[in-house]
C-alpha atoms as a PDB file:
ATOM      1  CA  MET A   1      91.183 179.298  12.827  1.00  0.00           C
ATOM      2  CA  LEU A   2      92.501 179.929  16.330  1.00  0.00           C
ATOM      3  CA  LEU A   3      95.877 181.489  16.943  1.00  0.00           C
ATOM      4  CA  MET A   4      98.624 179.353  18.491  1.00  0.00           C
ATOM      5  CA  TRP A   5      99.139 181.797  21.366  1.00  0.00           C
ATOM      6  CA  PHE A   6      95.460 181.334  22.258  1.00  0.00           C
ATOM      7  CA  VAL A   7      95.173 177.566  21.791  1.00  0.00           C
ATOM      8  CA  THR A   8      98.297 176.719  23.828  1.00  0.00           C
ATOM      9  CA  PRO A   9      97.073 178.092  27.188  1.00  0.00           C
ATOM     10  CA  PHE A  10      93.301 177.829  26.663  1.00  0.00           C
ATOM     11  CA  GLY A  11      92.823 174.817  24.382  1.00  0.00           C
ATOM     12  CA  PRO A  12      90.833 174.621  21.156  1.00  0.00           C
ATOM     13  CA  VAL A  13      87.444 174.437  22.913  1.00  0.00           C
ATOM     14  CA  LEU A  14      86.265 175.961  26.164  1.00  0.00           C
ATOM     15  CA  PRO A  15      85.129 173.384  28.751  1.00  0.00           C
ATOM     16  CA  ALA A  16      81.514 173.057  29.848  1.00  0.00           C
ATOM     17  CA  ARG A  17      82.491 173.968  33.425  1.00  0.00           C
ATOM     18  CA  GLY A  18      84.317 177.156  34.322  1.00  0.00           C
ATOM     19  CA  THR A  19      83.618 178.732  30.936  1.00  0.00           C
ATOM     20  CA  GLU A  20      83.017 182.232  32.291  1.00  0.00           C
ATOM     21  CA  GLN A  21      86.261 182.201  34.277  1.00  0.00           C
ATOM     22  CA  ARG A  22      88.203 180.986  31.219  1.00  0.00           C
ATOM     23  CA  MET A  23      86.605 183.626  28.994  1.00  0.00           C
ATOM     24  CA  ASN A  24      87.491 186.368  31.486  1.00  0.00           C
ATOM     25  CA  LEU A  25      91.094 185.168  31.539  1.00  0.00           C
ATOM     26  CA  ALA A  26      91.214 185.038  27.728  1.00  0.00           C
ATOM     27  CA  VAL A  27      89.943 188.633  27.531  1.00  0.00           C
ATOM     28  CA  ALA A  28      92.553 189.726  30.100  1.00  0.00           C
ATOM     29  CA  VAL A  29      95.331 188.097  28.044  1.00  0.00           C
ATOM     30  CA  LEU A  30      94.040 189.717  24.855  1.00  0.00           C
ATOM     31  CA  LEU A  31      93.977 193.147  26.516  1.00  0.00           C
ATOM     32  CA  TYR A  32      97.503 192.609  27.875  1.00  0.00           C
ATOM     33  CA  ARG A  33      98.729 191.733  24.374  1.00  0.00           C
ATOM     34  CA  MET A  34      97.143 194.874  22.954  1.00  0.00           C
ATOM     35  CA  GLU A  35      98.367 197.202  25.732  1.00  0.00           C
ATOM     36  CA  HIS A  36     101.940 195.878  25.569  1.00  0.00           C
ATOM     37  CA  SER A  37     102.116 195.406  21.788  1.00  0.00           C
ATOM     38  CA  VAL A  38     102.853 191.686  22.094  1.00  0.00           C
ATOM     39  CA  THR A  39     103.274 190.220  18.619  1.00  0.00           C
ATOM     40  CA  ASN A  40     104.686 186.797  19.506  1.00  0.00           C
ATOM     41  CA  GLN A  41     102.632 184.177  17.657  1.00  0.00           C
ATOM     42  CA  VAL A  42     103.340 181.335  20.115  1.00  0.00           C
ATOM     43  CA  LEU A  43     103.639 182.777  23.629  1.00  0.00           C
ATOM     44  CA  ALA A  44     100.452 184.367  24.937  1.00  0.00           C
ATOM     45  CA  LEU A  45     102.272 186.975  27.044  1.00  0.00           C
ATOM     46  CA  GLY A  46     105.317 187.243  24.798  1.00  0.00           C
ATOM     47  CA  PRO A  47     108.905 186.537  25.792  1.00  0.00           C
ATOM     48  CA  VAL A  48     110.106 186.992  29.349  1.00  0.00           C
ATOM     49  CA  PRO A  49     111.389 190.552  29.756  1.00  0.00           C
ATOM     50  CA  PRO A  50     115.094 190.941  30.527  1.00  0.00           C
ATOM     51  CA  ARG A  51     116.096 191.289  34.159  1.00  0.00           C
ATOM     52  CA  PRO A  52     117.153 194.771  35.198  1.00  0.00           C
ATOM     53  CA  PRO A  53     120.873 195.096  35.975  1.00  0.00           C
END
């Protein structure tokens, strides 16, 4: 079962063309989520941070 935050931007199946580029992007998003403690189950990068005053 794939997570919604993954399926929304990347789709349920990687395409035959550009697979390596898509995989690299997926790994980058996963690392971002881990480094920034993103727990949102729908948005891959989490909610938009508030604007500074």
